[in-house]
Amino acid sequence: MECSSNEPSLAADTGINEVALDEPWRWLSKGWGDLWHRPSLSLGYGFVVVIASMILTSGLISLHIAAVVLALGAGFMLLGPILAVGLYEKSRRIEANEQLTPKEILFVATKSPVQIGLMGFVLCLALLIWIRIATLLFALFYGPQPFPPLDQFLPSLLFTAHGLGMLLVGTVSGGLIAFTVFAVSAISIPILMVEDSDAPTAIVLSVKSVLKNSKPMLLWAWMIMLLTIFGLATGYLGLIIVFPLVGHATWHAYRSLRGI
């Protein structure tokens, strides 16, 4: 279960490759291939994510705060990178022609487990900040009233002036948070998984990869967003395929951007 001994050390190479604009399509294509290599492992991973999402949604509905589901759905992408470590490991093992079993996917031996935990804390903090902003926006545009049922909240959000105002401001603020988190986590988790690094250095390299490849990475962020929206719009069922697909593709993005 240990990472291959020939994995690079961060100290040996701190560079980021410049990639072509269409490179994200290649990442997605390779991710698709990994998904269907022992598909039960990847689809099982996606199934667990879907079940967890459904349980959380059911809990929010039972507490009569179903409107919060929309904010959590928007924030789903923030936690995606830290939840996909097993998918990165599967792609790594496929490339290295190493043993591939549920044990290796569920219990990944990483180079920097404490630093990955720190990154998880950072991403959870970003999600909490987003939820706090969403609730403040609701209070700003709707006043002190409690969250309405989802079937009442959606028409209000789309067909009233205060609803559209909140939707506009929320989309802009949420987009800024999401892109910031994307830049921080684009390749930082794979770096910490296989390289001798720390969270701040991995974050710097991840941001550097976005800045150096702004157009391809904007395309990649757009592709992730559309795939995630599709997954959420299908009542989470689409995430059974979408989540592992993006996870596997992210590993190939890391490999391409790091040039290793």
C-alpha atoms as a PDB file:
ATOM      1  CA  MET A   1       0.000   0.000   0.000  1.00  0.00           C
ATOM      2  CA  GLU A   2       2.953   2.329   0.074  1.00  0.00           C
ATOM      3  CA  CYS A   3       3.535   4.760  -2.728  1.00  0.00           C
ATOM      4  CA  SER A   4       6.115   3.758  -5.271  1.00  0.00           C
ATOM      5  CA  SER A   5       9.643   4.501  -4.125  1.00  0.00           C
ATOM      6  CA  ASN A   6      10.467   6.186  -7.400  1.00  0.00           C
ATOM      7  CA  GLU A   7       7.894   8.906  -6.858  1.00  0.00           C
ATOM      8  CA  PRO A   8       9.518  12.362  -7.118  1.00  0.00           C
ATOM      9  CA  SER A   9      10.528  14.483  -4.206  1.00  0.00           C
ATOM     10  CA  LEU A  10       9.195  18.022  -4.249  1.00  0.00           C
ATOM     11  CA  ALA A  11      12.628  19.326  -3.408  1.00  0.00           C
ATOM     12  CA  ALA A  12      13.952  17.836  -6.640  1.00  0.00           C
ATOM     13  CA  ASP A  13      11.488  19.603  -8.922  1.00  0.00           C
ATOM     14  CA  THR A  14       9.396  22.632  -8.086  1.00  0.00           C
ATOM     15  CA  GLY A  15       8.328  23.347 -11.668  1.00  0.00           C
ATOM     16  CA  ILE A  16       4.931  23.502 -13.322  1.00  0.00           C
ATOM     17  CA  ASN A  17       4.476  22.596 -16.981  1.00  0.00           C
ATOM     18  CA  GLU A  18       2.740  24.835 -19.483  1.00  0.00           C
ATOM     19  CA  VAL A  19       0.034  22.784 -21.214  1.00  0.00           C
ATOM     20  CA  ALA A  20      -2.049  23.203 -24.358  1.00  0.00           C
ATOM     21  CA  LEU A  21      -5.547  24.670 -24.230  1.00  0.00           C
ATOM     22  CA  ASP A  22      -7.177  21.366 -25.137  1.00  0.00           C
ATOM     23  CA  GLU A  23      -5.239  19.388 -22.517  1.00  0.00           C
ATOM     24  CA  PRO A  24      -8.242  19.145 -20.111  1.00  0.00           C
ATOM     25  CA  TRP A  25     -10.058  17.052 -22.702  1.00  0.00           C
ATOM     26  CA  ARG A  26      -7.162  14.586 -22.628  1.00  0.00           C
ATOM     27  CA  TRP A  27      -7.335  14.476 -18.820  1.00  0.00           C
ATOM     28  CA  LEU A  28     -11.025  13.695 -19.048  1.00  0.00           C
ATOM     29  CA  SER A  29     -10.424  11.020 -21.693  1.00  0.00           C
ATOM     30  CA  LYS A  30      -7.759   9.329 -19.554  1.00  0.00           C
ATOM     31  CA  GLY A  31     -10.006   9.616 -16.504  1.00  0.00           C
ATOM     32  CA  TRP A  32     -12.791   7.906 -18.446  1.00  0.00           C
ATOM     33  CA  GLY A  33     -10.430   5.048 -19.245  1.00  0.00           C
ATOM     34  CA  ASP A  34      -9.432   4.699 -15.586  1.00  0.00           C
ATOM     35  CA  LEU A  35     -13.080   4.710 -14.522  1.00  0.00           C
ATOM     36  CA  TRP A  36     -13.821   1.637 -16.648  1.00  0.00           C
ATOM     37  CA  HIS A  37     -10.683  -0.215 -15.539  1.00  0.00           C
ATOM     38  CA  ARG A  38     -12.131  -2.329 -12.719  1.00  0.00           C
ATOM     39  CA  PRO A  39     -15.258  -0.105 -12.838  1.00  0.00           C
ATOM     40  CA  SER A  40     -16.754  -1.528  -9.647  1.00  0.00           C
ATOM     41  CA  LEU A  41     -14.084   0.288  -7.615  1.00  0.00           C
ATOM     42  CA  SER A  42     -14.780   3.700  -9.160  1.00  0.00           C
ATOM     43  CA  LEU A  43     -18.553   3.350  -9.382  1.00  0.00           C
ATOM     44  CA  GLY A  44     -18.652   2.055  -5.801  1.00  0.00           C
ATOM     45  CA  TYR A  45     -16.779   5.199  -4.755  1.00  0.00           C
ATOM     46  CA  GLY A  46     -19.343   7.335  -6.575  1.00  0.00           C
ATOM     47  CA  PHE A  47     -22.202   5.347  -5.070  1.00  0.00           C
ATOM     48  CA  VAL A  48     -20.962   6.055  -1.537  1.00  0.00           C
ATOM     49  CA  VAL A  49     -20.799   9.794  -2.339  1.00  0.00           C
ATOM     50  CA  VAL A  50     -24.378   9.694  -3.664  1.00  0.00           C
ATOM     51  CA  ILE A  51     -25.723   7.819  -0.632  1.00  0.00           C
ATOM     52  CA  ALA A  52     -23.990  10.259   1.739  1.00  0.00           C
ATOM     53  CA  SER A  53     -25.453  13.213  -0.205  1.00  0.00           C
ATOM     54  CA  MET A  54     -28.952  11.729  -0.091  1.00  0.00           C
ATOM     55  CA  ILE A  55     -28.731  11.078   3.648  1.00  0.00           C
ATOM     56  CA  LEU A  56     -27.582  14.666   4.263  1.00  0.00           C
ATOM     57  CA  THR A  57     -30.374  16.046   2.088  1.00  0.00           C
ATOM     58  CA  SER A  58     -32.985  13.909   3.865  1.00  0.00           C
ATOM     59  CA  GLY A  59     -31.711  15.188   7.207  1.00  0.00           C
ATOM     60  CA  LEU A  60     -32.012  18.811   6.115  1.00  0.00           C
ATOM     61  CA  ILE A  61     -35.530  18.213   4.805  1.00  0.00           C
ATOM     62  CA  SER A  62     -36.556  16.560   8.083  1.00  0.00           C
ATOM     63  CA  LEU A  63     -35.243  19.627   9.943  1.00  0.00           C
ATOM     64  CA  HIS A  64     -37.337  21.863   7.651  1.00  0.00           C
ATOM     65  CA  ILE A  65     -34.308  23.675   6.252  1.00  0.00           C
ATOM     66  CA  ALA A  66     -34.405  22.162   2.753  1.00  0.00           C
ATOM     67  CA  ALA A  67     -33.480  25.527   1.230  1.00  0.00           C
ATOM     68  CA  VAL A  68     -29.969  25.017   2.603  1.00  0.00           C
ATOM     69  CA  VAL A  69     -29.634  22.066   0.199  1.00  0.00           C
ATOM     70  CA  LEU A  70     -29.044  24.526  -2.634  1.00  0.00           C
ATOM     71  CA  ALA A  71     -26.156  26.180  -0.806  1.00  0.00           C
ATOM     72  CA  LEU A  72     -24.653  22.814   0.118  1.00  0.00           C
ATOM     73  CA  GLY A  73     -25.024  21.645  -3.459  1.00  0.00           C
ATOM     74  CA  ALA A  74     -23.152  24.711  -4.655  1.00  0.00           C
ATOM     75  CA  GLY A  75     -20.476  24.027  -2.060  1.00  0.00           C
ATOM     76  CA  PHE A  76     -20.122  20.365  -2.998  1.00  0.00           C
ATOM     77  CA  MET A  77     -17.242  21.073  -5.373  1.00  0.00           C
ATOM     78  CA  LEU A  78     -15.233  22.632  -2.545  1.00  0.00           C
ATOM     79  CA  LEU A  79     -14.760  19.305  -0.762  1.00  0.00           C
ATOM     80  CA  GLY A  80     -14.418  17.158  -3.878  1.00  0.00           C
ATOM     81  CA  PRO A  81     -10.582  17.168  -4.052  1.00  0.00           C
ATOM     82  CA  ILE A  82     -10.096  15.821  -0.528  1.00  0.00           C
ATOM     83  CA  LEU A  83     -12.790  13.155  -0.951  1.00  0.00           C
ATOM     84  CA  ALA A  84     -11.186  11.722  -4.096  1.00  0.00           C
ATOM     85  CA  VAL A  85      -7.834  10.502  -2.703  1.00  0.00           C
ATOM     86  CA  GLY A  86      -8.768   6.875  -3.343  1.00  0.00           C
ATOM     87  CA  LEU A  87      -9.549   7.685  -6.970  1.00  0.00           C
ATOM     88  CA  TYR A  88      -6.146   9.346  -7.406  1.00  0.00           C
ATOM     89  CA  GLU A  89      -4.583   6.210  -5.942  1.00  0.00           C
ATOM     90  CA  LYS A  90      -6.459   3.978  -8.352  1.00  0.00           C
ATOM     91  CA  SER A  91      -5.212   6.019 -11.329  1.00  0.00           C
ATOM     92  CA  ARG A  92      -1.679   5.976  -9.937  1.00  0.00           C
ATOM     93  CA  ARG A  93      -1.769   2.211  -9.543  1.00  0.00           C
ATOM     94  CA  ILE A  94      -3.123   1.716 -13.058  1.00  0.00           C
ATOM     95  CA  GLU A  95      -0.229   3.766 -14.450  1.00  0.00           C
ATOM     96  CA  ALA A  96       2.303   1.902 -12.311  1.00  0.00           C
ATOM     97  CA  ASN A  97       0.721  -1.490 -13.067  1.00  0.00           C
ATOM     98  CA  GLU A  98       0.395  -2.173  -9.346  1.00  0.00           C
ATOM     99  CA  GLN A  99      -2.097  -4.307  -7.437  1.00  0.00           C
ATOM    100  CA  LEU A 100      -5.618  -2.912  -7.495  1.00  0.00           C
ATOM    101  CA  THR A 101      -8.021  -3.992  -4.743  1.00  0.00           C
ATOM    102  CA  PRO A 102     -10.612  -2.223  -2.560  1.00  0.00           C
ATOM    103  CA  LYS A 103      -8.126  -2.255   0.324  1.00  0.00           C
ATOM    104  CA  GLU A 104      -5.595  -0.156  -1.635  1.00  0.00           C
ATOM    105  CA  ILE A 105      -8.301   2.315  -2.695  1.00  0.00           C
ATOM    106  CA  LEU A 106      -9.906   2.717   0.730  1.00  0.00           C
ATOM    107  CA  PHE A 107      -6.719   2.832   2.815  1.00  0.00           C
ATOM    108  CA  VAL A 108      -4.278   4.938   0.821  1.00  0.00           C
ATOM    109  CA  ALA A 109      -0.740   5.209   2.159  1.00  0.00           C
ATOM    110  CA  THR A 110       0.156   8.816   1.417  1.00  0.00           C
ATOM    111  CA  LYS A 111       3.473  10.639   1.626  1.00  0.00           C
ATOM    112  CA  SER A 112       2.079  13.490   3.737  1.00  0.00           C
ATOM    113  CA  PRO A 113      -1.013  12.297   5.661  1.00  0.00           C
ATOM    114  CA  VAL A 114      -0.883  15.082   8.261  1.00  0.00           C
ATOM    115  CA  GLN A 115      -0.584  17.721   5.548  1.00  0.00           C
ATOM    116  CA  ILE A 116      -3.521  16.182   3.662  1.00  0.00           C
ATOM    117  CA  GLY A 117      -5.492  16.437   6.895  1.00  0.00           C
ATOM    118  CA  LEU A 118      -4.554  20.106   7.058  1.00  0.00           C
ATOM    119  CA  MET A 119      -5.793  20.589   3.494  1.00  0.00           C
ATOM    120  CA  GLY A 120      -9.033  18.886   4.478  1.00  0.00           C
ATOM    121  CA  PHE A 121      -9.412  21.400   7.296  1.00  0.00           C
ATOM    122  CA  VAL A 122      -8.808  24.282   4.843  1.00  0.00           C
ATOM    123  CA  LEU A 123     -11.451  22.970   2.426  1.00  0.00           C
ATOM    124  CA  CYS A 124     -13.965  22.384   5.226  1.00  0.00           C
ATOM    125  CA  LEU A 125     -13.321  25.928   6.449  1.00  0.00           C
ATOM    126  CA  ALA A 126     -14.004  27.226   2.921  1.00  0.00           C
ATOM    127  CA  LEU A 127     -17.302  25.321   2.873  1.00  0.00           C
ATOM    128  CA  LEU A 128     -18.294  26.739   6.266  1.00  0.00           C
ATOM    129  CA  ILE A 129     -17.460  30.252   5.058  1.00  0.00           C
ATOM    130  CA  TRP A 130     -19.608  29.709   1.968  1.00  0.00           C
ATOM    131  CA  ILE A 131     -22.547  28.407   4.043  1.00  0.00           C
ATOM    132  CA  ARG A 132     -22.214  31.406   6.362  1.00  0.00           C
ATOM    133  CA  ILE A 133     -22.215  33.811   3.416  1.00  0.00           C
ATOM    134  CA  ALA A 134     -25.270  32.047   1.943  1.00  0.00           C
ATOM    135  CA  THR A 135     -27.222  32.383   5.198  1.00  0.00           C
ATOM    136  CA  LEU A 136     -26.224  36.040   5.545  1.00  0.00           C
ATOM    137  CA  LEU A 137     -27.386  36.714   1.980  1.00  0.00           C
ATOM    138  CA  PHE A 138     -30.712  35.053   2.760  1.00  0.00           C
ATOM    139  CA  ALA A 139     -31.121  37.292   5.817  1.00  0.00           C
ATOM    140  CA  LEU A 140     -30.137  40.353   3.783  1.00  0.00           C
ATOM    141  CA  PHE A 141     -32.617  39.746   0.962  1.00  0.00           C
ATOM    142  CA  TYR A 142     -35.429  37.903   2.778  1.00  0.00           C
ATOM    143  CA  GLY A 143     -35.272  39.444   6.221  1.00  0.00           C
ATOM    144  CA  PRO A 144     -35.665  37.566   9.529  1.00  0.00           C
ATOM    145  CA  GLN A 145     -38.157  34.987   8.209  1.00  0.00           C
ATOM    146  CA  PRO A 146     -37.204  31.287   8.517  1.00  0.00           C
ATOM    147  CA  PHE A 147     -36.110  29.249   5.520  1.00  0.00           C
ATOM    148  CA  PRO A 148     -39.194  28.403   3.434  1.00  0.00           C
ATOM    149  CA  PRO A 149     -39.848  24.897   2.048  1.00  0.00           C
ATOM    150  CA  LEU A 150     -37.858  24.145  -1.090  1.00  0.00           C
ATOM    151  CA  ASP A 151     -40.954  24.086  -3.324  1.00  0.00           C
ATOM    152  CA  GLN A 152     -41.728  27.667  -2.219  1.00  0.00           C
ATOM    153  CA  PHE A 153     -38.145  28.885  -2.112  1.00  0.00           C
ATOM    154  CA  LEU A 154     -37.296  28.034  -5.733  1.00  0.00           C
ATOM    155  CA  PRO A 155     -40.145  30.088  -7.333  1.00  0.00           C
ATOM    156  CA  SER A 156     -39.322  32.959  -4.978  1.00  0.00           C
ATOM    157  CA  LEU A 157     -35.661  32.750  -5.931  1.00  0.00           C
ATOM    158  CA  LEU A 158     -36.369  32.814  -9.669  1.00  0.00           C
ATOM    159  CA  PHE A 159     -39.422  35.059 -10.009  1.00  0.00           C
ATOM    160  CA  THR A 160     -39.116  37.813  -7.398  1.00  0.00           C
ATOM    161  CA  ALA A 161     -36.866  40.866  -7.305  1.00  0.00           C
ATOM    162  CA  HIS A 162     -35.295  40.019  -3.935  1.00  0.00           C
ATOM    163  CA  GLY A 163     -34.859  36.401  -4.996  1.00  0.00           C
ATOM    164  CA  LEU A 164     -33.095  37.341  -8.216  1.00  0.00           C
ATOM    165  CA  GLY A 165     -30.955  39.833  -6.309  1.00  0.00           C
ATOM    166  CA  MET A 166     -29.841  37.130  -3.885  1.00  0.00           C
ATOM    167  CA  LEU A 167     -29.242  34.716  -6.769  1.00  0.00           C
ATOM    168  CA  LEU A 168     -27.041  37.258  -8.561  1.00  0.00           C
ATOM    169  CA  VAL A 169     -24.994  38.249  -5.518  1.00  0.00           C
ATOM    170  CA  GLY A 170     -24.776  34.644  -4.356  1.00  0.00           C
ATOM    171  CA  THR A 171     -23.595  33.448  -7.760  1.00  0.00           C
ATOM    172  CA  VAL A 172     -20.844  36.076  -7.909  1.00  0.00           C
ATOM    173  CA  SER A 173     -19.644  35.546  -4.333  1.00  0.00           C
ATOM    174  CA  GLY A 174     -19.942  31.768  -4.598  1.00  0.00           C
ATOM    175  CA  GLY A 175     -18.071  31.805  -7.896  1.00  0.00           C
ATOM    176  CA  LEU A 176     -15.207  33.777  -6.368  1.00  0.00           C
ATOM    177  CA  ILE A 177     -14.955  31.373  -3.430  1.00  0.00           C
ATOM    178  CA  ALA A 178     -15.220  28.328  -5.696  1.00  0.00           C
ATOM    179  CA  PHE A 179     -12.498  29.550  -8.053  1.00  0.00           C
ATOM    180  CA  THR A 180     -10.207  30.438  -5.157  1.00  0.00           C
ATOM    181  CA  VAL A 181     -10.647  26.957  -3.716  1.00  0.00           C
ATOM    182  CA  PHE A 182     -10.156  25.462  -7.186  1.00  0.00           C
ATOM    183  CA  ALA A 183      -6.836  27.277  -7.544  1.00  0.00           C
ATOM    184  CA  VAL A 184      -5.730  26.167  -4.074  1.00  0.00           C
ATOM    185  CA  SER A 185      -6.749  22.522  -4.534  1.00  0.00           C
ATOM    186  CA  ALA A 186      -6.393  21.900  -8.290  1.00  0.00           C
ATOM    187  CA  ILE A 187      -3.376  19.622  -7.803  1.00  0.00           C
ATOM    188  CA  SER A 188      -2.391  20.147  -4.154  1.00  0.00           C
ATOM    189  CA  ILE A 189      -3.942  16.910  -2.855  1.00  0.00           C
ATOM    190  CA  PRO A 190      -2.189  14.679  -5.442  1.00  0.00           C
ATOM    191  CA  ILE A 191       1.072  16.507  -4.623  1.00  0.00           C
ATOM    192  CA  LEU A 192       0.682  15.702  -0.942  1.00  0.00           C
ATOM    193  CA  MET A 193      -0.308  12.147  -1.768  1.00  0.00           C
ATOM    194  CA  VAL A 194       2.876  11.184  -3.611  1.00  0.00           C
ATOM    195  CA  GLU A 195       5.462  13.900  -2.991  1.00  0.00           C
ATOM    196  CA  ASP A 196       7.468  14.907   0.075  1.00  0.00           C
ATOM    197  CA  SER A 197       5.776  18.245   0.622  1.00  0.00           C
ATOM    198  CA  ASP A 198       3.791  20.376   3.012  1.00  0.00           C
ATOM    199  CA  ALA A 199       0.382  22.002   2.580  1.00  0.00           C
ATOM    200  CA  PRO A 200       1.602  25.611   2.005  1.00  0.00           C
ATOM    201  CA  THR A 201       4.075  24.494  -0.680  1.00  0.00           C
ATOM    202  CA  ALA A 202       1.465  22.304  -2.371  1.00  0.00           C
ATOM    203  CA  ILE A 203      -0.993  25.206  -2.366  1.00  0.00           C
ATOM    204  CA  VAL A 204       1.600  27.515  -3.927  1.00  0.00           C
ATOM    205  CA  LEU A 205       2.305  24.958  -6.661  1.00  0.00           C
ATOM    206  CA  SER A 206      -1.405  24.473  -7.289  1.00  0.00           C
ATOM    207  CA  VAL A 207      -2.018  28.217  -7.608  1.00  0.00           C
ATOM    208  CA  LYS A 208       1.063  28.475  -9.816  1.00  0.00           C
ATOM    209  CA  SER A 209      -0.367  25.795 -12.112  1.00  0.00           C
ATOM    210  CA  VAL A 210      -3.564  27.834 -12.513  1.00  0.00           C
ATOM    211  CA  LEU A 211      -1.761  31.130 -13.109  1.00  0.00           C
ATOM    212  CA  LYS A 212       0.713  29.638 -15.590  1.00  0.00           C
ATOM    213  CA  ASN A 213      -2.046  27.833 -17.488  1.00  0.00           C
ATOM    214  CA  SER A 214      -4.930  30.244 -17.050  1.00  0.00           C
ATOM    215  CA  LYS A 215      -6.860  29.309 -20.203  1.00  0.00           C
ATOM    216  CA  PRO A 216      -6.594  25.512 -19.900  1.00  0.00           C
ATOM    217  CA  MET A 217      -7.365  25.671 -16.177  1.00  0.00           C
ATOM    218  CA  LEU A 218     -10.367  27.930 -16.727  1.00  0.00           C
ATOM    219  CA  LEU A 219     -11.588  25.359 -19.247  1.00  0.00           C
ATOM    220  CA  TRP A 220     -10.972  22.599 -16.711  1.00  0.00           C
ATOM    221  CA  ALA A 221     -12.852  24.494 -13.990  1.00  0.00           C
ATOM    222  CA  TRP A 222     -15.749  25.053 -16.421  1.00  0.00           C
ATOM    223  CA  MET A 223     -15.828  21.340 -17.293  1.00  0.00           C
ATOM    224  CA  ILE A 224     -15.855  20.348 -13.614  1.00  0.00           C
ATOM    225  CA  MET A 225     -18.659  22.823 -12.925  1.00  0.00           C
ATOM    226  CA  LEU A 226     -20.849  21.526 -15.769  1.00  0.00           C
ATOM    227  CA  LEU A 227     -20.268  17.901 -14.830  1.00  0.00           C
ATOM    228  CA  THR A 228     -21.071  18.631 -11.174  1.00  0.00           C
ATOM    229  CA  ILE A 229     -24.248  20.540 -12.086  1.00  0.00           C
ATOM    230  CA  PHE A 230     -25.317  17.544 -14.173  1.00  0.00           C
ATOM    231  CA  GLY A 231     -24.632  15.222 -11.248  1.00  0.00           C
ATOM    232  CA  LEU A 232     -26.641  17.365  -8.828  1.00  0.00           C
ATOM    233  CA  ALA A 233     -29.488  17.986 -11.312  1.00  0.00           C
ATOM    234  CA  THR A 234     -30.071  14.242 -11.679  1.00  0.00           C
ATOM    235  CA  GLY A 235     -30.932  13.944  -8.004  1.00  0.00           C
ATOM    236  CA  TYR A 236     -27.298  13.047  -7.256  1.00  0.00           C
ATOM    237  CA  LEU A 237     -27.472   9.861  -9.358  1.00  0.00           C
ATOM    238  CA  GLY A 238     -25.225  11.327 -12.049  1.00  0.00           C
ATOM    239  CA  LEU A 239     -22.499  11.709  -9.423  1.00  0.00           C
ATOM    240  CA  ILE A 240     -22.038   7.926  -9.461  1.00  0.00           C
ATOM    241  CA  ILE A 241     -20.140   8.465 -12.711  1.00  0.00           C
ATOM    242  CA  VAL A 242     -19.256  12.164 -12.532  1.00  0.00           C
ATOM    243  CA  PHE A 243     -17.432  12.074  -9.194  1.00  0.00           C
ATOM    244  CA  PRO A 244     -14.999   9.251 -10.052  1.00  0.00           C
ATOM    245  CA  LEU A 245     -14.553  10.606 -13.582  1.00  0.00           C
ATOM    246  CA  VAL A 246     -13.424  14.012 -12.290  1.00  0.00           C
ATOM    247  CA  GLY A 247     -11.301  12.357  -9.601  1.00  0.00           C
ATOM    248  CA  HIS A 248      -9.417  10.190 -12.092  1.00  0.00           C
ATOM    249  CA  ALA A 249      -9.034  13.084 -14.510  1.00  0.00           C
ATOM    250  CA  THR A 250      -7.598  15.245 -11.710  1.00  0.00           C
ATOM    251  CA  TRP A 251      -4.790  12.736 -11.247  1.00  0.00           C
ATOM    252  CA  HIS A 252      -3.897  13.078 -14.930  1.00  0.00           C
ATOM    253  CA  ALA A 253      -4.102  16.868 -14.614  1.00  0.00           C
ATOM    254  CA  TYR A 254      -1.551  16.653 -11.803  1.00  0.00           C
ATOM    255  CA  ARG A 255       0.744  14.401 -13.844  1.00  0.00           C
ATOM    256  CA  SER A 256       0.533  16.690 -16.862  1.00  0.00           C
ATOM    257  CA  LEU A 257       1.022  19.936 -14.963  1.00  0.00           C
ATOM    258  CA  ARG A 258       3.905  18.611 -12.888  1.00  0.00           C
ATOM    259  CA  GLY A 259       5.505  16.902 -15.883  1.00  0.00           C
ATOM    260  CA  ILE A 260       6.209  13.680 -13.996  1.00  0.00           C
END
